[in-house]
Protein backbone atom coordinates (compact mmCIF):
# COMPACT_ATOMS: atom_id res chain seq x y z
CA UNK A 1 65.24 117.01 -20.37
CA UNK A 2 66.27 120.58 -19.64
CA UNK A 3 64.38 123.82 -19.12
CA UNK A 4 65.99 127.23 -19.46
CA UNK A 5 64.93 130.09 -17.24
CA UNK A 6 65.51 133.48 -18.84
CA UNK A 7 64.58 136.85 -17.43
CA UNK A 8 65.93 140.36 -17.31
CA UNK A 9 67.68 139.43 -14.07
CA UNK A 10 69.50 136.24 -15.10
CA UNK A 11 69.55 133.07 -17.14
CA UNK A 12 69.91 129.48 -15.93
CA UNK A 13 69.35 125.97 -17.23
CA UNK A 14 67.77 123.32 -15.01
CA UNK A 15 67.37 119.57 -15.43
CA UNK A 16 63.93 118.09 -14.96
CA UNK A 17 63.56 115.03 -12.77
CA UNK A 18 61.81 112.27 -14.64
CA UNK A 19 61.19 109.91 -11.72
CA UNK A 20 57.82 111.29 -10.65
CA UNK A 21 56.46 111.63 -14.16
CA UNK A 22 57.74 108.16 -15.13
CA UNK A 23 56.13 106.58 -12.07
CA UNK A 24 52.80 108.29 -12.81
CA UNK A 25 52.90 107.06 -16.41
CA UNK A 26 53.55 103.49 -15.20
CA UNK A 27 50.26 103.69 -13.31
CA UNK A 28 48.45 105.18 -16.31
CA UNK A 29 48.30 108.75 -14.99
CA UNK A 30 48.91 111.18 -17.84
CA UNK A 31 48.27 114.47 -16.05
CA UNK A 32 51.74 114.90 -14.45
CA UNK A 33 53.35 114.82 -17.90
CA UNK A 34 50.80 117.29 -19.27
CA UNK A 35 51.40 119.52 -16.24
CA UNK A 36 55.14 119.40 -16.93
CA UNK A 37 54.58 120.74 -20.44
CA UNK A 38 51.90 123.26 -19.45
CA UNK A 39 53.12 124.56 -16.09
CA UNK A 40 56.91 124.10 -16.09
CA UNK A 41 57.82 124.48 -19.76
CA UNK A 42 54.88 126.76 -20.65
CA UNK A 43 54.24 124.98 -23.94
CA UNK A 44 51.48 123.08 -25.67
CA UNK A 45 52.20 119.36 -25.14
CA UNK A 46 53.75 117.69 -28.21
CA UNK A 47 50.89 115.35 -29.08
CA UNK A 48 49.21 114.84 -32.45
CA UNK A 49 47.19 117.84 -33.65
CA UNK A 50 47.59 119.80 -30.39
CA UNK A 51 49.55 122.64 -31.97
CA UNK A 52 47.16 122.82 -34.91
CA UNK A 53 44.02 122.76 -32.79
CA UNK A 54 45.14 124.79 -29.76
CA UNK A 55 48.03 126.90 -31.10
CA UNK A 56 46.02 130.15 -31.17
CA UNK A 57 47.12 133.33 -29.40
CA UNK A 58 44.67 133.00 -26.48
CA UNK A 59 46.01 129.59 -25.46
CA UNK A 60 49.64 130.63 -26.00
CA UNK A 61 49.18 133.70 -23.77
CA UNK A 62 47.54 131.62 -21.03
CA UNK A 63 50.51 129.26 -20.74
CA UNK A 64 53.27 130.27 -18.37
CA UNK A 65 56.34 128.24 -17.45
CA UNK A 66 59.28 128.80 -15.16
CA UNK A 67 60.57 131.56 -17.43
CA UNK A 68 57.39 133.53 -16.70
CA UNK A 69 57.85 133.42 -12.92
CA UNK A 70 57.10 136.71 -11.18
CA UNK A 71 58.43 135.76 -7.74
CA UNK A 72 61.25 133.60 -6.39
CA UNK A 73 61.92 132.34 -2.87
CA UNK A 74 65.10 130.74 -1.55
CA UNK A 75 64.83 128.02 1.05
CA UNK A 76 61.86 126.00 2.13
CA UNK A 77 61.19 125.39 5.78
CA UNK A 78 61.31 121.59 5.52
CA UNK A 79 63.73 118.91 4.31
CA UNK A 80 63.85 117.99 0.63
CA UNK A 81 65.96 115.07 -0.55
CA UNK A 82 69.56 115.39 0.67
CA UNK A 83 68.98 118.94 1.91
CA UNK A 84 67.92 118.49 5.54
CA UNK A 85 67.17 122.18 6.04
CA UNK A 86 65.77 123.07 2.61
CA UNK A 87 68.32 125.87 2.11
CA UNK A 88 69.29 124.92 -1.44
CA UNK A 89 65.73 124.84 -2.80
CA UNK A 90 64.26 127.70 -4.80
CA UNK A 91 60.52 128.16 -5.34
CA UNK A 92 59.50 129.97 -8.53
CA UNK A 93 55.95 131.35 -8.55
CA UNK A 94 54.04 131.89 -11.79
CA UNK A 95 50.45 132.68 -12.69
CA UNK A 96 49.32 130.58 -15.67
CA UNK A 97 45.68 130.77 -16.68
CA UNK A 98 45.58 127.59 -18.79
CA UNK A 99 46.82 124.03 -18.49
CA UNK A 100 46.16 120.96 -20.60
CA UNK A 101 44.26 117.86 -19.53
CA UNK A 102 43.86 114.47 -21.13
CA UNK A 103 40.56 114.43 -23.01
CA UNK A 104 40.63 112.01 -25.94
CA UNK A 105 38.58 112.99 -28.98
CA UNK A 106 38.71 112.34 -32.71
CA UNK A 107 40.93 115.37 -33.36
CA UNK A 108 43.26 115.57 -30.34
CA UNK A 109 43.90 113.77 -27.04
CA UNK A 110 44.40 116.94 -24.97
CA UNK A 111 42.40 120.10 -24.39
CA UNK A 112 43.08 123.36 -22.55
CA UNK A 113 41.39 124.01 -19.22
CA UNK A 114 41.18 127.33 -17.42
CA UNK A 115 42.95 127.54 -14.09
CA UNK A 116 40.90 129.32 -11.42
CA UNK A 117 42.13 132.84 -10.68
CA UNK A 118 42.75 132.02 -7.00
CA UNK A 119 45.56 129.54 -7.80
CA UNK A 120 49.26 130.03 -8.54
CA UNK A 121 51.87 127.57 -9.76
CA UNK A 122 54.96 126.92 -7.64
CA UNK A 123 57.94 125.19 -9.27
CA UNK A 124 60.63 123.83 -6.93
CA UNK A 125 64.28 123.70 -8.03
CA UNK A 126 67.04 122.06 -5.96
CA UNK A 127 70.29 123.81 -6.85
CA UNK A 128 73.59 122.03 -7.54
CA UNK A 129 76.28 123.61 -5.41
CA UNK A 130 78.81 124.98 -5.64
CA UNK A 131 78.97 125.31 -9.41
CA UNK A 132 76.37 123.20 -11.19
CA UNK A 133 76.74 120.19 -13.50
CA UNK A 134 79.45 120.38 -16.14
CA UNK A 135 79.70 118.70 -19.50
CA UNK A 136 83.46 118.04 -19.51
CA UNK A 137 85.52 119.97 -17.00
CA UNK A 138 85.16 122.45 -14.15
CA UNK A 139 86.40 125.26 -16.43
CA UNK A 140 83.57 124.76 -18.92
CA UNK A 141 80.20 126.46 -18.76
CA UNK A 142 77.77 124.49 -16.58
CA UNK A 143 75.12 122.55 -18.50
CA UNK A 144 72.68 123.00 -15.63
CA UNK A 145 72.49 124.77 -12.30
CA UNK A 146 69.96 122.50 -10.60
CA UNK A 147 67.05 120.12 -10.97
CA UNK A 148 63.31 120.83 -11.10
CA UNK A 149 62.03 118.40 -8.49
CA UNK A 150 58.29 119.06 -8.51
CA UNK A 151 55.56 121.60 -9.20
CA UNK A 152 52.07 122.25 -7.92
CA UNK A 153 49.05 124.50 -8.19
CA UNK A 154 48.31 126.04 -4.82
CA UNK A 155 45.92 128.57 -3.33
CA UNK A 156 46.96 132.19 -3.78
CA UNK A 157 47.06 134.87 -1.08
CA UNK A 158 44.88 138.00 -1.07
CA UNK A 159 46.95 139.62 -3.83
CA UNK A 160 46.40 136.61 -6.10
CA UNK A 161 50.12 136.56 -6.99
CA UNK A 162 51.84 134.61 -4.20
CA UNK A 163 51.20 131.35 -2.38
CA UNK A 164 49.01 131.59 0.69
CA UNK A 165 51.14 131.59 3.89
CA UNK A 166 54.36 132.04 1.90
CA UNK A 167 56.06 133.68 4.90
CA UNK A 168 55.64 130.47 6.92
CA UNK A 169 56.74 128.19 4.04
CA UNK A 170 59.78 129.96 2.56
CA UNK A 171 62.87 131.48 4.14
CA UNK A 172 63.69 134.48 1.94
CA UNK A 173 62.09 136.29 -0.97
CA UNK A 174 64.66 136.84 -3.70
CA UNK A 175 62.46 138.96 -5.98
């Protein structure tokens, strides 16, 4: 699965790691998959009747994925996977107001839930260096620039727009 980040500044396509979501589903946990659709992709999950029941303008405006990020940090101050220093990890910060939770009913198995105003979503992307993943050859356009490794809702700072203690967690603010 891929997600495309588009803004006025740039455009990039990222792969989404399936390992964490797959493991959660094996244990019967549905929320990580719903969070992927709500928080990373910024879309209503593709389940029966969800678009019909929840596809109104209020719900659509409350969803915010990686393409709605308002801040980006490069480098985390801890190891992540093969990156011992965390230099090749980007953290995208967004401010969604709605996510979906599993709530089975006769009409739909998901329902929107308001996210408290004192939380922000942080989406972590480990970049592929130096050039990204290519479909056929090094001269072709890259099919992706990195992989979305995980995402989380965290407490916001006093402004309500950035993660609390972001200066101690991230190396450099990109925008």
